[in-house]
Structure formats: structure tokens, C-alpha cells
N, C-alpha and C. Protein backbone atom coordinates (compact mmCIF):
# COMPACT_ATOMS: atom_id res chain seq x y z
N MET A 1 106.19 93.51 98.08
CA MET A 1 107.71 93.96 98.12
C MET A 1 108.20 94.82 99.54
N THR A 2 107.19 95.60 99.72
CA THR A 2 107.89 96.63 100.81
C THR A 2 108.27 95.32 101.69
N ALA A 3 107.74 94.34 102.49
CA ALA A 3 107.84 93.94 103.24
C ALA A 3 109.59 92.77 103.12
N PHE A 4 109.30 92.60 102.10
CA PHE A 4 110.14 91.83 101.85
C PHE A 4 111.95 92.62 101.58
N GLY A 5 111.85 93.55 101.04
CA GLY A 5 112.55 94.60 101.39
C GLY A 5 113.25 94.86 102.68
N PHE A 6 112.28 95.11 103.59
CA PHE A 6 112.62 95.54 104.92
C PHE A 6 113.27 93.90 105.24
N LYS A 7 112.93 93.17 105.25
CA LYS A 7 113.01 92.14 105.52
C LYS A 7 114.70 91.48 105.12
N THR A 8 114.71 91.83 103.60
CA THR A 8 116.61 91.42 102.98
C THR A 8 117.26 92.11 102.91
N ALA A 9 116.70 93.71 103.33
CA ALA A 9 117.72 94.58 103.28
C ALA A 9 117.85 95.43 104.39
N GLY A 10 116.59 95.29 105.08
CA GLY A 10 116.43 96.19 106.18
C GLY A 10 115.89 97.77 106.22
N GLU A 11 114.95 98.50 106.40
CA GLU A 11 114.51 99.66 106.99
C GLU A 11 115.63 100.64 106.95
N ALA A 12 116.43 100.53 107.44
CA ALA A 12 117.59 101.91 107.57
C ALA A 12 118.08 101.93 106.32
N LYS A 13 118.19 100.92 105.64
CA LYS A 13 119.16 100.86 104.27
C LYS A 13 118.11 101.58 103.17
N ILE A 14 117.07 100.59 103.00
CA ILE A 14 115.55 101.72 102.32
C ILE A 14 115.90 102.91 102.35
N ALA A 15 115.44 103.24 103.66
CA ALA A 15 115.42 105.00 104.30
C ALA A 15 116.44 105.99 103.82
N ALA A 16 117.78 105.13 103.88
CA ALA A 16 118.79 105.72 103.35
C ALA A 16 119.28 106.26 102.21
N GLY A 17 117.98 105.44 101.01
CA GLY A 17 117.84 105.83 99.93
C GLY A 17 117.68 106.68 99.69
N GLN A 18 116.45 106.86 100.05
CA GLN A 18 115.26 107.67 99.93
C GLN A 18 115.61 109.52 100.01
N PRO A 19 115.11 110.28 99.43
CA PRO A 19 115.37 111.57 99.65
C PRO A 19 115.12 112.44 100.35
N MET A 20 114.01 111.72 101.05
CA MET A 20 113.68 112.06 102.31
C MET A 20 114.11 111.56 103.62
N GLY A 21 114.72 110.98 103.43
CA GLY A 21 115.22 109.99 104.40
C GLY A 21 114.68 109.36 105.34
N ARG A 22 113.61 108.73 104.97
CA ARG A 22 112.33 107.75 105.34
C ARG A 22 111.63 107.16 104.54
N VAL A 23 111.21 106.00 104.97
CA VAL A 23 110.46 105.24 104.13
C VAL A 23 108.85 106.24 104.26
N GLY A 24 107.63 105.82 103.52
CA GLY A 24 106.45 106.37 103.78
C GLY A 24 105.81 105.91 104.82
N LEU A 25 105.12 106.11 104.96
CA LEU A 25 103.69 105.99 106.58
C LEU A 25 102.64 105.83 105.48
N PRO A 26 101.72 105.33 106.36
CA PRO A 26 100.20 105.53 106.08
C PRO A 26 99.32 106.54 105.85
N SER A 27 100.15 107.56 106.91
CA SER A 27 99.64 108.96 106.93
C SER A 27 99.96 109.93 105.70
N ASP A 28 100.62 109.76 105.16
CA ASP A 28 101.42 110.08 103.58
C ASP A 28 100.34 109.57 102.73
N LEU A 29 100.09 108.53 102.64
CA LEU A 29 99.11 108.39 101.59
C LEU A 29 97.70 108.64 102.37
N ALA A 30 97.38 108.73 102.95
CA ALA A 30 95.79 109.42 103.78
C ALA A 30 96.06 110.80 103.30
N GLY A 31 96.64 111.68 103.79
CA GLY A 31 96.91 112.84 103.29
C GLY A 31 96.32 113.27 101.75
N LEU A 32 97.17 112.44 101.38
CA LEU A 32 96.76 112.71 99.87
C LEU A 32 94.98 112.21 99.36
N ALA A 33 94.96 111.08 99.84
CA ALA A 33 93.78 110.89 99.88
C ALA A 33 92.46 111.67 100.37
N LEU A 34 92.64 112.25 101.56
CA LEU A 34 92.03 113.43 101.96
C LEU A 34 91.58 114.55 101.07
N PHE A 35 92.54 115.11 100.72
CA PHE A 35 92.94 115.96 99.66
C PHE A 35 92.14 115.69 98.63
N LEU A 36 92.35 114.51 97.71
CA LEU A 36 91.78 113.95 96.58
C LEU A 36 90.29 113.55 96.70
N THR A 37 89.43 114.03 97.68
CA THR A 37 87.91 113.61 98.36
C THR A 37 87.96 114.88 98.84
N SER A 38 88.42 116.04 98.74
CA SER A 38 87.89 117.08 99.50
C SER A 38 87.81 118.51 98.66
N PRO A 39 86.88 119.19 98.48
CA PRO A 39 86.41 120.19 98.02
C PRO A 39 87.63 120.99 97.14
N ALA A 40 89.20 120.78 97.86
CA ALA A 40 90.59 121.29 97.09
C ALA A 40 90.98 120.68 96.26
N SER A 41 90.31 120.00 95.75
CA SER A 41 90.64 118.98 94.25
C SER A 41 89.64 118.92 92.88
N ALA A 42 89.12 120.14 93.64
CA ALA A 42 87.87 120.00 92.82
C ALA A 42 88.09 120.39 91.02
N HIS A 43 89.36 120.88 90.97
CA HIS A 43 89.85 121.56 89.96
C HIS A 43 91.23 120.57 89.39
N VAL A 44 91.11 119.35 90.10
CA VAL A 44 92.22 118.51 89.27
C VAL A 44 91.94 117.06 89.20
N THR A 45 91.97 117.11 87.44
CA THR A 45 91.92 116.23 86.79
C THR A 45 92.91 115.66 85.94
N GLY A 46 93.20 114.44 86.09
CA GLY A 46 94.01 113.43 84.90
C GLY A 46 95.43 113.50 85.69
N ALA A 47 95.53 114.20 86.94
CA ALA A 47 97.34 114.01 87.45
C ALA A 47 97.82 113.15 87.40
N HIS A 48 98.76 112.81 87.43
CA HIS A 48 99.71 111.68 87.68
C HIS A 48 100.23 112.60 89.14
N ILE A 49 99.96 111.94 90.29
CA ILE A 49 100.55 112.21 91.51
C ILE A 49 101.68 111.01 92.16
N LEU A 50 102.72 111.68 92.06
CA LEU A 50 103.67 110.81 92.69
C LEU A 50 103.72 110.82 94.07
N LEU A 51 103.79 109.27 94.88
CA LEU A 51 103.57 109.85 96.35
C LEU A 51 104.49 108.62 96.86
N ASP A 52 106.15 109.08 96.80
CA ASP A 52 107.20 108.28 96.90
C ASP A 52 108.42 109.35 97.63
N GLY A 53 107.88 110.47 98.06
CA GLY A 53 109.21 110.76 98.74
C GLY A 53 109.94 111.46 97.99
N GLY A 54 110.17 111.62 96.84
CA GLY A 54 110.86 112.14 95.89
C GLY A 54 112.00 111.34 94.91
N ALA A 55 111.67 110.09 95.42
CA ALA A 55 112.54 108.99 94.97
C ALA A 55 112.40 108.88 93.53
N THR A 56 111.42 108.95 92.58
CA THR A 56 111.50 108.88 91.48
C THR A 56 112.38 109.96 90.58
N LEU A 57 112.02 111.44 90.95
CA LEU A 57 112.28 112.07 90.41
C LEU A 57 114.06 112.26 90.55
N SER A 58 114.53 111.73 91.65
CA SER A 58 116.06 111.94 92.40
C SER A 58 116.69 110.60 91.20
N ARG A 59 115.79 109.77 91.10
CA ARG A 59 116.34 108.75 90.10
C ARG A 59 116.71 109.04 89.17
N GLN A 60 116.17 110.29 88.07
CA GLN A 60 116.03 110.46 87.32
C GLN A 60 116.61 111.90 86.59
N GLY A 61 117.48 112.20 87.90
CA GLY A 61 118.52 113.40 88.20
C GLY A 61 117.35 114.84 87.74
N ILE A 62 116.44 114.67 88.30
CA ILE A 62 115.50 115.89 87.92
C ILE A 62 115.13 117.00 89.21
N ALA A 63 115.45 115.99 90.21
CA ALA A 63 115.23 116.57 91.72
C ALA A 63 116.83 116.78 92.10
N PRO A 64 116.73 118.06 92.76
CA PRO A 64 118.07 118.27 93.54
C PRO A 64 118.51 117.14 94.51
N GLN A 65 119.81 116.96 94.82
CA GLN A 65 119.64 116.15 95.78
C GLN A 65 120.06 116.63 96.93
N VAL A 66 119.31 117.23 97.58
CA VAL A 66 118.79 117.16 99.04
C VAL A 66 118.15 116.69 100.35
N LYS A 67 119.09 116.36 100.95
CA LYS A 67 118.29 115.52 101.97
C LYS A 67 117.64 116.11 103.39
N LEU A 68 116.82 116.09 103.51
CA LEU A 68 115.75 117.00 104.55
C LEU A 68 115.77 116.31 105.78
């Protein structure tokens, strides 16, 4: 789906619509994976961790509309 979006709309247009001002990178996912597999996450159970740069909360009007 991302490749299709990049091809049809372009990465710049997609990034402009993201609260972080950029699209996610593999390293963003890697950081979360490292946390979840480390002792630091020993007390994390049944959590829903959104890894979308704030897009979900912004669309729902929950997060402040601030570009970083």
C-alpha cells in the first residue's frame, strides 16, 4: 500500500500530511522492536502501541496540531 501511495501521490505529499512531517522509516520500527524485546518492557502487557507518527490521533482530533 505504501509503494502504491508513493507512486501515485508522491512521498512529499504523503509526508506533508503527517504530524511528524515525514514518513516512517524502518529504524522507527526497529526502535520499538528493540524496546519490546528488552528488559525495559518487562511490565508492558496488552498494550496497543501506535507507530504512525501521530497520524491516528491527529485525524481523531485528540493530538495537538503541531508540526515538529
